[in-house]
Structure formats: C-alpha cells, structure tokens
Amino acid sequence: GWTRDLFDNGWTTEVSQCAYGHRARKRTWLYYVGPDNPPKMEWNEPLASMTVSALRLSGRERMYQAEALATPPAFRSALIDLTRSACMVGRSL
C-alpha cells in the first residue's frame, strides 16, 4: 500500500506492472502528492510468464526490449487517474 513520507506531504508505493498486464515482473515506485489520500492501486504480484533479465535464473523466456520497456494500457490508465487526483486542487479537469 501507500506509505506516508516523513518529511513532506508525499506518499510512496511500489507496484508490479505484472498486476496491470505486463508479462514480466516489472516493479515501479510511485510518488504521490495531492489534496487527499492517494487512490488504491493493484498491489498483488501475479506470476510473470517472462523475464527482462539476461540471466535465465527463473527458467522463463526473455522478452524483447521493446516489450520490456512498454507500459501496459491498464497501468497507463492508472497513472493518468493518479495524476488527475493529484491535480484536483480547487478545480476540475
């Protein structure tokens, strides 16, 4: 979940883009500052079907760089919603 920053009004969290449709375990840190508490994210960690690492320790197939760098549409939408909620300071978008 979200953790409150000790030194300012920000919140941090780590999410797995795999929860949003990425085929590899691609974790991403988010930082949120807004008028209210940050919205809920998908914090589950589904099993990844592929890897982005050159090391094949997991036994999973390595994906091409273009797919590894891509953002799943569901995660893009969640980030847009997060940005909109942070910008709702006395105005509507």
PDB file of N, CA and C in Angstrom:
ATOM      1  N   GLY A   1       0.798  -1.181   0.000  1.00  0.00           N
ATOM      2  CA  GLY A   1       0.000   0.000   0.000  1.00  0.00           C
ATOM      3  C   GLY A   1       0.852   1.260   0.000  1.00  0.00           C
ATOM      4  N   TRP A   2       0.218   2.345   0.185  1.00  0.00           N
ATOM      5  CA  TRP A   2       0.892   3.642   0.229  1.00  0.00           C
ATOM      6  C   TRP A   2       1.525   3.854   1.600  1.00  0.00           C
ATOM      7  N   THR A   3       2.683   4.501   1.621  1.00  0.00           N
ATOM      8  CA  THR A   3       3.379   4.853   2.859  1.00  0.00           C
ATOM      9  C   THR A   3       3.589   6.356   2.871  1.00  0.00           C
ATOM     10  N   ARG A   4       3.257   6.988   3.977  1.00  0.00           N
ATOM     11  CA  ARG A   4       3.396   8.441   4.134  1.00  0.00           C
ATOM     12  C   ARG A   4       4.865   8.816   4.278  1.00  0.00           C
ATOM     13  N   ASP A   5       5.281   9.860   3.599  1.00  0.00           N
ATOM     14  CA  ASP A   5       6.646  10.360   3.710  1.00  0.00           C
ATOM     15  C   ASP A   5       6.813  11.083   5.042  1.00  0.00           C
ATOM     16  N   LEU A   6       7.953  10.943   5.662  1.00  0.00           N
ATOM     17  CA  LEU A   6       8.188  11.583   6.964  1.00  0.00           C
ATOM     18  C   LEU A   6       8.502  13.071   6.863  1.00  0.00           C
ATOM     19  N   PHE A   7       8.974  13.523   5.705  1.00  0.00           N
ATOM     20  CA  PHE A   7       9.494  14.886   5.602  1.00  0.00           C
ATOM     21  C   PHE A   7       8.629  15.844   4.785  1.00  0.00           C
ATOM     22  N   ASP A   8       7.620  15.333   4.104  1.00  0.00           N
ATOM     23  CA  ASP A   8       6.731  16.218   3.356  1.00  0.00           C
ATOM     24  C   ASP A   8       5.355  15.563   3.249  1.00  0.00           C
ATOM     25  N   ASN A   9       4.497  16.067   2.367  1.00  0.00           N
ATOM     26  CA  ASN A   9       3.131  15.564   2.238  1.00  0.00           C
ATOM     27  C   ASN A   9       2.993  14.425   1.233  1.00  0.00           C
ATOM     28  N   GLY A  10       4.119  13.872   0.811  1.00  0.00           N
ATOM     29  CA  GLY A  10       4.082  12.833  -0.210  1.00  0.00           C
ATOM     30  C   GLY A  10       3.805  11.443   0.316  1.00  0.00           C
ATOM     31  N   TRP A  11       3.439  10.583  -0.599  1.00  0.00           N
ATOM     32  CA  TRP A  11       3.183   9.166  -0.344  1.00  0.00           C
ATOM     33  C   TRP A  11       4.007   8.359  -1.350  1.00  0.00           C
ATOM     34  N   THR A  12       4.486   7.200  -0.952  1.00  0.00           N
ATOM     35  CA  THR A  12       5.212   6.327  -1.876  1.00  0.00           C
ATOM     36  C   THR A  12       4.606   4.925  -1.850  1.00  0.00           C
ATOM     37  N   THR A  13       4.772   4.239  -2.960  1.00  0.00           N
ATOM     38  CA  THR A  13       4.360   2.841  -3.057  1.00  0.00           C
ATOM     39  C   THR A  13       5.146   2.176  -4.170  1.00  0.00           C
ATOM     40  N   GLU A  14       5.192   0.868  -4.117  1.00  0.00           N
ATOM     41  CA  GLU A  14       5.794   0.071  -5.178  1.00  0.00           C
ATOM     42  C   GLU A  14       4.712  -0.845  -5.724  1.00  0.00           C
ATOM     43  N   VAL A  15       4.561  -0.856  -7.038  1.00  0.00           N
ATOM     44  CA  VAL A  15       3.592  -1.741  -7.676  1.00  0.00           C
ATOM     45  C   VAL A  15       4.294  -2.592  -8.718  1.00  0.00           C
ATOM     46  N   SER A  16       3.726  -3.731  -8.989  1.00  0.00           N
ATOM     47  CA  SER A  16       4.224  -4.602 -10.046  1.00  0.00           C
ATOM     48  C   SER A  16       3.372  -4.363 -11.282  1.00  0.00           C
ATOM     49  N   GLN A  17       4.010  -4.010 -12.380  1.00  0.00           N
ATOM     50  CA  GLN A  17       3.250  -3.805 -13.612  1.00  0.00           C
ATOM     51  C   GLN A  17       2.653  -5.114 -14.117  1.00  0.00           C
ATOM     52  N   CYS A  18       3.116  -6.223 -13.599  1.00  0.00           N
ATOM     53  CA  CYS A  18       2.530  -7.526 -13.925  1.00  0.00           C
ATOM     54  C   CYS A  18       1.059  -7.553 -13.494  1.00  0.00           C
ATOM     55  N   ALA A  19       0.730  -6.849 -12.423  1.00  0.00           N
ATOM     56  CA  ALA A  19      -0.657  -6.771 -11.952  1.00  0.00           C
ATOM     57  C   ALA A  19      -1.543  -5.997 -12.932  1.00  0.00           C
ATOM     58  N   TYR A  20      -0.928  -5.256 -13.840  1.00  0.00           N
ATOM     59  CA  TYR A  20      -1.643  -4.460 -14.826  1.00  0.00           C
ATOM     60  C   TYR A  20      -1.515  -5.025 -16.243  1.00  0.00           C
ATOM     61  N   GLY A  21      -0.948  -6.232 -16.363  1.00  0.00           N
ATOM     62  CA  GLY A  21      -0.889  -6.871 -17.676  1.00  0.00           C
ATOM     63  C   GLY A  21       0.488  -7.045 -18.285  1.00  0.00           C
ATOM     64  N   HIS A  22       1.540  -6.514 -17.676  1.00  0.00           N
ATOM     65  CA  HIS A  22       2.894  -6.729 -18.206  1.00  0.00           C
ATOM     66  C   HIS A  22       3.245  -8.196 -18.014  1.00  0.00           C
ATOM     67  N   ARG A  23       3.948  -8.796 -18.968  1.00  0.00           N
ATOM     68  CA  ARG A  23       4.242 -10.229 -18.876  1.00  0.00           C
ATOM     69  C   ARG A  23       5.477 -10.534 -18.031  1.00  0.00           C
ATOM     70  N   ALA A  24       6.220  -9.502 -17.630  1.00  0.00           N
ATOM     71  CA  ALA A  24       7.390  -9.696 -16.763  1.00  0.00           C
ATOM     72  C   ALA A  24       7.141  -9.019 -15.418  1.00  0.00           C
ATOM     73  N   ARG A  25       7.943  -9.392 -14.439  1.00  0.00           N
ATOM     74  CA  ARG A  25       7.845  -8.762 -13.118  1.00  0.00           C
ATOM     75  C   ARG A  25       8.568  -7.418 -13.200  1.00  0.00           C
ATOM     76  N   LYS A  26       7.852  -6.390 -13.478  1.00  0.00           N
ATOM     77  CA  LYS A  26       8.419  -5.052 -13.670  1.00  0.00           C
ATOM     78  C   LYS A  26       7.888  -4.156 -12.561  1.00  0.00           C
ATOM     79  N   ARG A  27       8.663  -4.014 -11.506  1.00  0.00           N
ATOM     80  CA  ARG A  27       8.221  -3.200 -10.368  1.00  0.00           C
ATOM     81  C   ARG A  27       8.527  -1.732 -10.607  1.00  0.00           C
ATOM     82  N   THR A  28       7.624  -0.887 -10.114  1.00  0.00           N
ATOM     83  CA  THR A  28       7.729   0.553 -10.322  1.00  0.00           C
ATOM     84  C   THR A  28       7.391   1.272  -9.027  1.00  0.00           C
ATOM     85  N   TRP A  29       8.245   2.227  -8.646  1.00  0.00           N
ATOM     86  CA  TRP A  29       7.982   3.063  -7.470  1.00  0.00           C
ATOM     87  C   TRP A  29       7.191   4.282  -7.913  1.00  0.00           C
ATOM     88  N   LEU A  30       6.171   4.636  -7.140  1.00  0.00           N
ATOM     89  CA  LEU A  30       5.360   5.821  -7.415  1.00  0.00           C
ATOM     90  C   LEU A  30       5.440   6.770  -6.226  1.00  0.00           C
ATOM     91  N   TYR A  31       5.396   8.053  -6.526  1.00  0.00           N
ATOM     92  CA  TYR A  31       5.392   9.092  -5.503  1.00  0.00           C
ATOM     93  C   TYR A  31       4.188   9.974  -5.770  1.00  0.00           C
ATOM     94  N   TYR A  32       3.367  10.204  -4.749  1.00  0.00           N
ATOM     95  CA  TYR A  32       2.116  10.944  -4.913  1.00  0.00           C
ATOM     96  C   TYR A  32       2.047  12.091  -3.913  1.00  0.00           C
ATOM     97  N   VAL A  33       1.658  13.266  -4.404  1.00  0.00           N
ATOM     98  CA  VAL A  33       1.321  14.413  -3.553  1.00  0.00           C
ATOM     99  C   VAL A  33       0.017  14.968  -4.094  1.00  0.00           C
ATOM    100  N   GLY A  34      -0.968  15.074  -3.239  1.00  0.00           N
ATOM    101  CA  GLY A  34      -2.262  15.578  -3.680  1.00  0.00           C
ATOM    102  C   GLY A  34      -3.076  16.065  -2.501  1.00  0.00           C
ATOM    103  N   PRO A  35      -4.273  16.575  -2.782  1.00  0.00           N
ATOM    104  CA  PRO A  35      -5.109  17.136  -1.725  1.00  0.00           C
ATOM    105  C   PRO A  35      -5.698  16.084  -0.788  1.00  0.00           C
ATOM    106  N   ASP A  36      -5.811  14.864  -1.252  1.00  0.00           N
ATOM    107  CA  ASP A  36      -6.392  13.780  -0.461  1.00  0.00           C
ATOM    108  C   ASP A  36      -5.420  12.605  -0.408  1.00  0.00           C
ATOM    109  N   ASN A  37      -5.826  11.568   0.301  1.00  0.00           N
ATOM    110  CA  ASN A  37      -5.027  10.349   0.298  1.00  0.00           C
ATOM    111  C   ASN A  37      -4.984   9.787  -1.124  1.00  0.00           C
ATOM    112  N   PRO A  38      -3.911   9.132  -1.489  1.00  0.00           N
ATOM    113  CA  PRO A  38      -3.813   8.595  -2.850  1.00  0.00           C
ATOM    114  C   PRO A  38      -4.809   7.465  -3.081  1.00  0.00           C
ATOM    115  N   PRO A  39      -5.193   7.259  -4.330  1.00  0.00           N
ATOM    116  CA  PRO A  39      -6.145   6.195  -4.636  1.00  0.00           C
ATOM    117  C   PRO A  39      -5.512   4.804  -4.501  1.00  0.00           C
ATOM    118  N   LYS A  40      -6.368   3.817  -4.376  1.00  0.00           N
ATOM    119  CA  LYS A  40      -5.914   2.437  -4.269  1.00  0.00           C
ATOM    120  C   LYS A  40      -5.293   1.986  -5.595  1.00  0.00           C
ATOM    121  N   MET A  41      -4.239   1.207  -5.507  1.00  0.00           N
ATOM    122  CA  MET A  41      -3.585   0.632  -6.678  1.00  0.00           C
ATOM    123  C   MET A  41      -3.723  -0.882  -6.609  1.00  0.00           C
ATOM    124  N   GLU A  42      -3.301  -1.572  -7.644  1.00  0.00           N
ATOM    125  CA  GLU A  42      -3.237  -3.038  -7.635  1.00  0.00           C
ATOM    126  C   GLU A  42      -1.888  -3.419  -7.035  1.00  0.00           C
ATOM    127  N   TRP A  43      -1.905  -3.966  -5.830  1.00  0.00           N
ATOM    128  CA  TRP A  43      -0.656  -4.326  -5.167  1.00  0.00           C
ATOM    129  C   TRP A  43      -0.372  -5.818  -5.206  1.00  0.00           C
ATOM    130  N   ASN A  44      -1.203  -6.576  -5.913  1.00  0.00           N
ATOM    131  CA  ASN A  44      -0.930  -8.003  -5.997  1.00  0.00           C
ATOM    132  C   ASN A  44       0.272  -8.265  -6.905  1.00  0.00           C
ATOM    133  N   GLU A  45       0.824  -9.455  -6.819  1.00  0.00           N
ATOM    134  CA  GLU A  45       2.024  -9.819  -7.579  1.00  0.00           C
ATOM    135  C   GLU A  45       1.757 -11.126  -8.325  1.00  0.00           C
ATOM    136  N   PRO A  46       1.070 -11.042  -9.485  1.00  0.00           N
ATOM    137  CA  PRO A  46       0.826 -12.255 -10.257  1.00  0.00           C
ATOM    138  C   PRO A  46       2.142 -12.870 -10.740  1.00  0.00           C
ATOM    139  N   LEU A  47       2.105 -14.141 -11.031  1.00  0.00           N
ATOM    140  CA  LEU A  47       3.291 -14.805 -11.564  1.00  0.00           C
ATOM    141  C   LEU A  47       3.579 -14.282 -12.964  1.00  0.00           C
ATOM    142  N   ALA A  48       4.822 -13.924 -13.202  1.00  0.00           N
ATOM    143  CA  ALA A  48       5.234 -13.434 -14.512  1.00  0.00           C
ATOM    144  C   ALA A  48       5.487 -14.614 -15.438  1.00  0.00           C
ATOM    145  N   SER A  49       5.151 -14.444 -16.697  1.00  0.00           N
ATOM    146  CA  SER A  49       5.381 -15.506 -17.667  1.00  0.00           C
ATOM    147  C   SER A  49       6.711 -15.346 -18.393  1.00  0.00           C
ATOM    148  N   MET A  50       7.317 -14.152 -18.298  1.00  0.00           N
ATOM    149  CA  MET A  50       8.584 -13.873 -18.983  1.00  0.00           C
ATOM    150  C   MET A  50       9.509 -13.111 -18.047  1.00  0.00           C
ATOM    151  N   THR A  51      10.737 -12.889 -18.506  1.00  0.00           N
ATOM    152  CA  THR A  51      11.703 -12.126 -17.739  1.00  0.00           C
ATOM    153  C   THR A  51      12.347 -11.060 -18.624  1.00  0.00           C
ATOM    154  N   VAL A  52      12.883 -10.003 -18.015  1.00  0.00           N
ATOM    155  CA  VAL A  52      13.616  -8.984 -18.763  1.00  0.00           C
ATOM    156  C   VAL A  52      15.114  -9.129 -18.537  1.00  0.00           C
ATOM    157  N   SER A  53      15.497  -9.996 -17.635  1.00  0.00           N
ATOM    158  CA  SER A  53      16.904 -10.186 -17.289  1.00  0.00           C
ATOM    159  C   SER A  53      17.611 -11.068 -18.308  1.00  0.00           C
ATOM    160  N   ALA A  54      18.888 -10.776 -18.529  1.00  0.00           N
ATOM    161  CA  ALA A  54      19.704 -11.628 -19.395  1.00  0.00           C
ATOM    162  C   ALA A  54      20.010 -12.955 -18.707  1.00  0.00           C
ATOM    163  N   LEU A  55      19.955 -12.948 -17.366  1.00  0.00           N
ATOM    164  CA  LEU A  55      20.171 -14.179 -16.619  1.00  0.00           C
ATOM    165  C   LEU A  55      18.895 -14.990 -16.625  1.00  0.00           C
ATOM    166  N   ARG A  56      18.967 -16.254 -16.941  1.00  0.00           N
ATOM    167  CA  ARG A  56      17.775 -17.084 -17.028  1.00  0.00           C
ATOM    168  C   ARG A  56      17.626 -17.924 -15.770  1.00  0.00           C
ATOM    169  N   LEU A  57      17.757 -17.286 -14.622  1.00  0.00           N
ATOM    170  CA  LEU A  57      17.655 -17.999 -13.358  1.00  0.00           C
ATOM    171  C   LEU A  57      16.247 -18.511 -13.103  1.00  0.00           C
ATOM    172  N   SER A  58      15.261 -17.819 -13.614  1.00  0.00           N
ATOM    173  CA  SER A  58      13.870 -18.192 -13.348  1.00  0.00           C
ATOM    174  C   SER A  58      13.384 -19.300 -14.272  1.00  0.00           C
ATOM    175  N   GLY A  59      14.100 -19.553 -15.348  1.00  0.00           N
ATOM    176  CA  GLY A  59      13.651 -20.531 -16.329  1.00  0.00           C
ATOM    177  C   GLY A  59      12.618 -19.972 -17.294  1.00  0.00           C
ATOM    178  N   ARG A  60      12.248 -18.706 -17.136  1.00  0.00           N
ATOM    179  CA  ARG A  60      11.272 -18.086 -18.031  1.00  0.00           C
ATOM    180  C   ARG A  60      11.969 -17.527 -19.261  1.00  0.00           C
ATOM    181  N   GLU A  61      11.220 -17.444 -20.333  1.00  0.00           N
ATOM    182  CA  GLU A  61      11.735 -16.897 -21.582  1.00  0.00           C
ATOM    183  C   GLU A  61      11.991 -15.396 -21.440  1.00  0.00           C
ATOM    184  N   ARG A  62      13.056 -14.925 -22.075  1.00  0.00           N
ATOM    185  CA  ARG A  62      13.389 -13.496 -22.030  1.00  0.00           C
ATOM    186  C   ARG A  62      12.608 -12.752 -23.107  1.00  0.00           C
ATOM    187  N   MET A  63      12.008 -11.621 -22.733  1.00  0.00           N
ATOM    188  CA  MET A  63      11.245 -10.841 -23.701  1.00  0.00           C
ATOM    189  C   MET A  63      12.137  -9.830 -24.414  1.00  0.00           C
ATOM    190  N   TYR A  64      11.671  -9.406 -25.570  1.00  0.00           N
ATOM    191  CA  TYR A  64      12.394  -8.389 -26.325  1.00  0.00           C
ATOM    192  C   TYR A  64      12.345  -7.055 -25.588  1.00  0.00           C
ATOM    193  N   GLN A  65      13.363  -6.223 -25.832  1.00  0.00           N
ATOM    194  CA  GLN A  65      13.492  -4.961 -25.114  1.00  0.00           C
ATOM    195  C   GLN A  65      12.287  -4.045 -25.313  1.00  0.00           C
ATOM    196  N   ALA A  66      11.751  -3.995 -26.512  1.00  0.00           N
ATOM    197  CA  ALA A  66      10.606  -3.099 -26.769  1.00  0.00           C
ATOM    198  C   ALA A  66       9.423  -3.450 -25.865  1.00  0.00           C
ATOM    199  N   GLU A  67       9.145  -4.735 -25.708  1.00  0.00           N
ATOM    200  CA  GLU A  67       8.048  -5.137 -24.829  1.00  0.00           C
ATOM    201  C   GLU A  67       8.405  -4.904 -23.366  1.00  0.00           C
ATOM    202  N   ALA A  68       9.671  -5.137 -23.012  1.00  0.00           N
ATOM    203  CA  ALA A  68      10.112  -4.931 -21.631  1.00  0.00           C
ATOM    204  C   ALA A  68       9.945  -3.470 -21.215  1.00  0.00           C
ATOM    205  N   LEU A  69      10.198  -2.558 -22.126  1.00  0.00           N
ATOM    206  CA  LEU A  69      10.110  -1.123 -21.825  1.00  0.00           C
ATOM    207  C   LEU A  69       8.684  -0.580 -21.895  1.00  0.00           C
ATOM    208  N   ALA A  70       7.800  -1.305 -22.545  1.00  0.00           N
ATOM    209  CA  ALA A  70       6.430  -0.823 -22.746  1.00  0.00           C
ATOM    210  C   ALA A  70       5.648  -0.775 -21.439  1.00  0.00           C
ATOM    211  N   THR A  71       4.703   0.153 -21.385  1.00  0.00           N
ATOM    212  CA  THR A  71       3.796   0.285 -20.252  1.00  0.00           C
ATOM    213  C   THR A  71       2.450  -0.315 -20.643  1.00  0.00           C
ATOM    214  N   PRO A  72       1.930  -1.251 -19.846  1.00  0.00           N
ATOM    215  CA  PRO A  72       0.616  -1.820 -20.170  1.00  0.00           C
ATOM    216  C   PRO A  72      -0.473  -0.741 -20.161  1.00  0.00           C
ATOM    217  N   PRO A  73      -1.439  -0.832 -21.069  1.00  0.00           N
ATOM    218  CA  PRO A  73      -2.513   0.169 -21.114  1.00  0.00           C
ATOM    219  C   PRO A  73      -3.239   0.355 -19.777  1.00  0.00           C
ATOM    220  N   ALA A  74      -3.456  -0.721 -19.034  1.00  0.00           N
ATOM    221  CA  ALA A  74      -4.146  -0.598 -17.741  1.00  0.00           C
ATOM    222  C   ALA A  74      -3.307   0.196 -16.740  1.00  0.00           C
ATOM    223  N   PHE A  75      -1.977   0.041 -16.794  1.00  0.00           N
ATOM    224  CA  PHE A  75      -1.108   0.802 -15.891  1.00  0.00           C
ATOM    225  C   PHE A  75      -1.057   2.269 -16.315  1.00  0.00           C
ATOM    226  N   ARG A  76      -1.042   2.506 -17.619  1.00  0.00           N
ATOM    227  CA  ARG A  76      -1.073   3.884 -18.133  1.00  0.00           C
ATOM    228  C   ARG A  76      -2.336   4.580 -17.639  1.00  0.00           C
ATOM    229  N   SER A  77      -3.468   3.904 -17.713  1.00  0.00           N
ATOM    230  CA  SER A  77      -4.733   4.483 -17.243  1.00  0.00           C
ATOM    231  C   SER A  77      -4.694   4.760 -15.745  1.00  0.00           C
ATOM    232  N   ALA A  78      -4.109   3.841 -14.972  1.00  0.00           N
ATOM    233  CA  ALA A  78      -3.995   4.045 -13.517  1.00  0.00           C
ATOM    234  C   ALA A  78      -3.119   5.253 -13.215  1.00  0.00           C
ATOM    235  N   LEU A  79      -2.041   5.434 -13.978  1.00  0.00           N
ATOM    236  CA  LEU A  79      -1.165   6.594 -13.769  1.00  0.00           C
ATOM    237  C   LEU A  79      -1.867   7.900 -14.129  1.00  0.00           C
ATOM    238  N   ILE A  80      -2.664   7.882 -15.184  1.00  0.00           N
ATOM    239  CA  ILE A  80      -3.427   9.078 -15.567  1.00  0.00           C
ATOM    240  C   ILE A  80      -4.434   9.416 -14.476  1.00  0.00           C
ATOM    241  N   ASP A  81      -5.134   8.411 -13.948  1.00  0.00           N
ATOM    242  CA  ASP A  81      -6.087   8.648 -12.852  1.00  0.00           C
ATOM    243  C   ASP A  81      -5.381   9.197 -11.615  1.00  0.00           C
ATOM    244  N   LEU A  82      -4.196   8.662 -11.320  1.00  0.00           N
ATOM    245  CA  LEU A  82      -3.401   9.123 -10.185  1.00  0.00           C
ATOM    246  C   LEU A  82      -3.021  10.592 -10.368  1.00  0.00           C
ATOM    247  N   THR A  83      -2.616  10.949 -11.568  1.00  0.00           N
ATOM    248  CA  THR A  83      -2.241  12.332 -11.867  1.00  0.00           C
ATOM    249  C   THR A  83      -3.444  13.261 -11.750  1.00  0.00           C
ATOM    250  N   ARG A  84      -4.572  12.821 -12.249  1.00  0.00           N
ATOM    251  CA  ARG A  84      -5.784  13.642 -12.154  1.00  0.00           C
ATOM    252  C   ARG A  84      -6.182  13.885 -10.712  1.00  0.00           C
ATOM    253  N   SER A  85      -6.081  12.848  -9.871  1.00  0.00           N
ATOM    254  CA  SER A  85      -6.457  13.029  -8.463  1.00  0.00           C
ATOM    255  C   SER A  85      -5.473  13.955  -7.754  1.00  0.00           C
ATOM    256  N   ALA A  86      -4.213  13.954  -8.150  1.00  0.00           N
ATOM    257  CA  ALA A  86      -3.220  14.848  -7.550  1.00  0.00           C
ATOM    258  C   ALA A  86      -3.438  16.294  -7.977  1.00  0.00           C
ATOM    259  N   CYS A  87      -4.027  16.484  -9.158  1.00  0.00           N
ATOM    260  CA  CYS A  87      -4.218  17.842  -9.698  1.00  0.00           C
ATOM    261  C   CYS A  87      -5.547  18.467  -9.306  1.00  0.00           C
ATOM    262  N   MET A  88      -6.379  17.772  -8.561  1.00  0.00           N
ATOM    263  CA  MET A  88      -7.705  18.263  -8.203  1.00  0.00           C
ATOM    264  C   MET A  88      -7.664  19.224  -7.028  1.00  0.00           C
ATOM    265  N   VAL A  89      -6.873  20.240  -7.129  1.00  0.00           N
ATOM    266  CA  VAL A  89      -6.772  21.234  -6.063  1.00  0.00           C
ATOM    267  C   VAL A  89      -7.626  22.431  -6.464  1.00  0.00           C
ATOM    268  N   GLY A  90      -8.893  22.401  -6.066  1.00  0.00           N
ATOM    269  CA  GLY A  90      -9.775  23.530  -6.314  1.00  0.00           C
ATOM    270  C   GLY A  90     -10.233  23.714  -7.738  1.00  0.00           C
ATOM    271  N   ARG A  91     -10.075  22.682  -8.581  1.00  0.00           N
ATOM    272  CA  ARG A  91     -10.520  22.791  -9.962  1.00  0.00           C
ATOM    273  C   ARG A  91     -10.817  21.405 -10.505  1.00  0.00           C
ATOM    274  N   SER A  92     -11.543  21.349 -11.582  1.00  0.00           N
ATOM    275  CA  SER A  92     -11.828  20.064 -12.219  1.00  0.00           C
ATOM    276  C   SER A  92     -11.092  19.988 -13.537  1.00  0.00           C
ATOM    277  N   LEU A  93     -10.790  18.769 -13.944  1.00  0.00           N
ATOM    278  CA  LEU A  93     -10.088  18.563 -15.220  1.00  0.00           C
ATOM    279  C   LEU A  93     -11.064  18.236 -16.324  1.00  0.00           C
TER     280      LEU A  93
END
